[in-house]
N, C-alpha and C. Protein backbone atom coordinates (compact mmCIF):
# COMPACT_ATOMS: atom_id res chain seq x y z
N MET A 1 -4.38 -1.55 8.94
CA MET A 1 -3.69 -2.77 8.58
C MET A 1 -2.20 -2.57 8.87
N ASN A 2 -1.64 -3.46 9.64
CA ASN A 2 -0.23 -3.30 9.97
C ASN A 2 0.67 -3.88 8.88
N SER A 3 1.93 -3.54 8.95
CA SER A 3 2.88 -3.95 7.91
C SER A 3 2.98 -5.46 7.79
N GLN A 4 2.95 -6.16 8.92
CA GLN A 4 3.04 -7.63 8.88
C GLN A 4 1.85 -8.22 8.13
N ALA A 5 0.67 -7.69 8.38
CA ALA A 5 -0.52 -8.19 7.68
C ALA A 5 -0.40 -7.94 6.18
N VAL A 6 0.12 -6.78 5.81
CA VAL A 6 0.29 -6.47 4.39
C VAL A 6 1.29 -7.43 3.77
N LEU A 7 2.39 -7.68 4.45
CA LEU A 7 3.40 -8.61 3.92
C LEU A 7 2.82 -10.00 3.74
N GLU A 8 2.01 -10.45 4.70
CA GLU A 8 1.40 -11.77 4.59
C GLU A 8 0.44 -11.82 3.40
N GLN A 9 -0.30 -10.75 3.18
CA GLN A 9 -1.21 -10.72 2.06
C GLN A 9 -0.46 -10.68 0.74
N GLU A 10 0.64 -9.96 0.70
CA GLU A 10 1.44 -9.87 -0.53
C GLU A 10 1.92 -11.24 -0.96
N ARG A 11 2.24 -12.09 -0.01
CA ARG A 11 2.74 -13.42 -0.33
C ARG A 11 1.69 -14.28 -1.02
N THR A 12 0.43 -13.95 -0.82
CA THR A 12 -0.63 -14.75 -1.43
C THR A 12 -0.84 -14.39 -2.90
N PHE A 13 -0.23 -13.32 -3.38
CA PHE A 13 -0.35 -12.89 -4.76
C PHE A 13 0.94 -13.17 -5.50
N ASP A 14 0.82 -13.73 -6.67
CA ASP A 14 2.00 -14.00 -7.48
C ASP A 14 2.22 -12.81 -8.42
N VAL A 15 3.03 -11.87 -7.97
CA VAL A 15 3.30 -10.65 -8.74
C VAL A 15 4.78 -10.60 -9.03
N ASP A 16 5.11 -10.46 -10.32
CA ASP A 16 6.53 -10.38 -10.67
C ASP A 16 7.07 -9.01 -10.29
N PRO A 17 8.38 -8.87 -10.16
CA PRO A 17 8.99 -7.61 -9.71
C PRO A 17 8.62 -6.39 -10.56
N VAL A 18 8.50 -6.57 -11.86
CA VAL A 18 8.15 -5.44 -12.73
C VAL A 18 6.72 -4.98 -12.43
N GLU A 19 5.81 -5.92 -12.30
CA GLU A 19 4.43 -5.57 -11.99
C GLU A 19 4.32 -4.90 -10.61
N GLU A 20 5.11 -5.39 -9.66
CA GLU A 20 5.11 -4.77 -8.33
C GLU A 20 5.56 -3.31 -8.41
N MET A 21 6.60 -3.05 -9.19
CA MET A 21 7.07 -1.66 -9.33
C MET A 21 6.01 -0.79 -10.00
N ARG A 22 5.32 -1.35 -10.97
CA ARG A 22 4.24 -0.60 -11.62
C ARG A 22 3.14 -0.26 -10.62
N MET A 23 2.80 -1.22 -9.78
CA MET A 23 1.75 -0.99 -8.78
C MET A 23 2.19 0.05 -7.76
N ARG A 24 3.43 -0.03 -7.32
CA ARG A 24 3.92 0.94 -6.34
C ARG A 24 4.00 2.35 -6.95
N THR A 25 4.40 2.43 -8.22
CA THR A 25 4.43 3.72 -8.91
C THR A 25 3.02 4.27 -9.04
N TRP A 26 2.08 3.41 -9.41
CA TRP A 26 0.69 3.85 -9.52
C TRP A 26 0.19 4.38 -8.17
N ALA A 27 0.53 3.66 -7.10
CA ALA A 27 0.09 4.06 -5.76
C ALA A 27 0.63 5.44 -5.39
N ARG A 28 1.86 5.73 -5.74
CA ARG A 28 2.44 7.04 -5.42
C ARG A 28 1.81 8.14 -6.26
N ARG A 29 1.53 7.85 -7.52
CA ARG A 29 0.91 8.86 -8.39
C ARG A 29 -0.55 9.13 -8.03
N HIS A 30 -1.21 8.11 -7.49
CA HIS A 30 -2.63 8.22 -7.16
C HIS A 30 -2.84 8.17 -5.64
N TYR A 31 -1.87 8.68 -4.92
CA TYR A 31 -1.93 8.67 -3.45
C TYR A 31 -3.24 9.29 -2.96
N THR A 32 -3.82 8.64 -1.96
CA THR A 32 -5.03 9.12 -1.31
C THR A 32 -4.81 9.04 0.19
N PRO A 33 -5.19 10.07 0.93
CA PRO A 33 -5.06 10.00 2.40
C PRO A 33 -5.79 8.78 2.95
N ALA A 34 -5.29 8.25 4.05
CA ALA A 34 -5.81 7.01 4.63
C ALA A 34 -7.32 7.03 4.84
N GLU A 35 -7.84 8.15 5.31
CA GLU A 35 -9.28 8.21 5.61
C GLU A 35 -10.14 8.17 4.34
N ASP A 36 -9.54 8.42 3.18
CA ASP A 36 -10.29 8.42 1.93
C ASP A 36 -10.03 7.22 1.04
N ARG A 37 -9.04 6.40 1.39
CA ARG A 37 -8.68 5.31 0.48
C ARG A 37 -9.52 4.07 0.72
N SER A 38 -9.71 3.34 -0.35
CA SER A 38 -10.48 2.10 -0.30
C SER A 38 -9.62 0.96 0.22
N ILE A 39 -10.19 0.14 1.08
CA ILE A 39 -9.46 -1.03 1.56
C ILE A 39 -9.48 -2.15 0.52
N ASN A 40 -10.20 -1.92 -0.58
CA ASN A 40 -10.30 -2.92 -1.64
C ASN A 40 -9.16 -2.83 -2.65
N LEU A 41 -8.24 -1.90 -2.44
CA LEU A 41 -7.07 -1.79 -3.32
C LEU A 41 -6.16 -3.00 -3.09
N HIS A 42 -5.34 -3.28 -4.07
CA HIS A 42 -4.39 -4.39 -3.96
C HIS A 42 -3.47 -4.15 -2.75
N PRO A 43 -3.11 -5.20 -2.03
CA PRO A 43 -2.25 -5.04 -0.84
C PRO A 43 -0.93 -4.32 -1.12
N ILE A 44 -0.36 -4.50 -2.30
CA ILE A 44 0.89 -3.80 -2.62
C ILE A 44 0.62 -2.30 -2.74
N VAL A 45 -0.50 -1.93 -3.34
CA VAL A 45 -0.86 -0.52 -3.46
C VAL A 45 -1.08 0.08 -2.07
N LEU A 46 -1.81 -0.64 -1.23
CA LEU A 46 -2.05 -0.15 0.13
C LEU A 46 -0.74 -0.01 0.91
N ASP A 47 0.15 -0.99 0.76
CA ASP A 47 1.44 -0.92 1.45
C ASP A 47 2.22 0.31 1.03
N GLU A 48 2.23 0.61 -0.26
CA GLU A 48 2.99 1.77 -0.74
C GLU A 48 2.37 3.07 -0.23
N MET A 49 1.04 3.11 -0.15
CA MET A 49 0.39 4.31 0.37
C MET A 49 0.68 4.49 1.86
N VAL A 50 0.76 3.39 2.60
CA VAL A 50 1.13 3.45 4.02
C VAL A 50 2.56 3.96 4.16
N ARG A 51 3.44 3.51 3.27
CA ARG A 51 4.83 3.99 3.29
C ARG A 51 4.89 5.50 3.03
N LYS A 52 4.06 5.96 2.09
CA LYS A 52 4.03 7.39 1.80
C LYS A 52 3.46 8.16 3.00
N ASP A 53 2.47 7.58 3.68
CA ASP A 53 1.96 8.20 4.91
C ASP A 53 3.10 8.42 5.90
N ALA A 54 3.93 7.39 6.08
CA ALA A 54 5.04 7.46 7.02
C ALA A 54 6.05 8.53 6.60
N GLU A 55 6.31 8.63 5.30
CA GLU A 55 7.24 9.65 4.81
C GLU A 55 6.72 11.05 5.10
N ARG A 56 5.42 11.21 5.05
CA ARG A 56 4.81 12.52 5.31
C ARG A 56 4.63 12.78 6.80
N GLY A 57 4.89 11.77 7.61
CA GLY A 57 4.77 11.94 9.05
C GLY A 57 3.36 11.75 9.58
N TYR A 58 2.49 11.13 8.77
CA TYR A 58 1.13 10.88 9.21
C TYR A 58 1.11 9.68 10.14
N PRO A 59 0.21 9.67 11.11
CA PRO A 59 0.09 8.50 11.97
C PRO A 59 -0.37 7.29 11.17
N LYS A 60 -0.09 6.10 11.69
CA LYS A 60 -0.49 4.88 11.00
C LYS A 60 -2.00 4.79 10.91
N SER A 61 -2.45 4.24 9.81
CA SER A 61 -3.88 4.07 9.58
C SER A 61 -4.44 3.02 10.53
N PRO A 62 -5.65 3.22 11.05
CA PRO A 62 -6.24 2.23 11.93
C PRO A 62 -6.70 0.99 11.23
N ARG A 63 -6.68 0.96 9.90
CA ARG A 63 -7.14 -0.20 9.13
C ARG A 63 -6.16 -1.30 9.15
């Protein structure tokens, strides 16, 4: 899933800034490599995990 697709999906959810930070924090604490993560996670969680992939220098996920 590319960043644009994630951003478009995020817009469909009404999440306040505090809840978004909670979700991003949860995603960092429960990070899972791309090949093991569920695509059923919330788009914000997936976006944060993709960002962490990039920080670690992993290639972009094919999802």
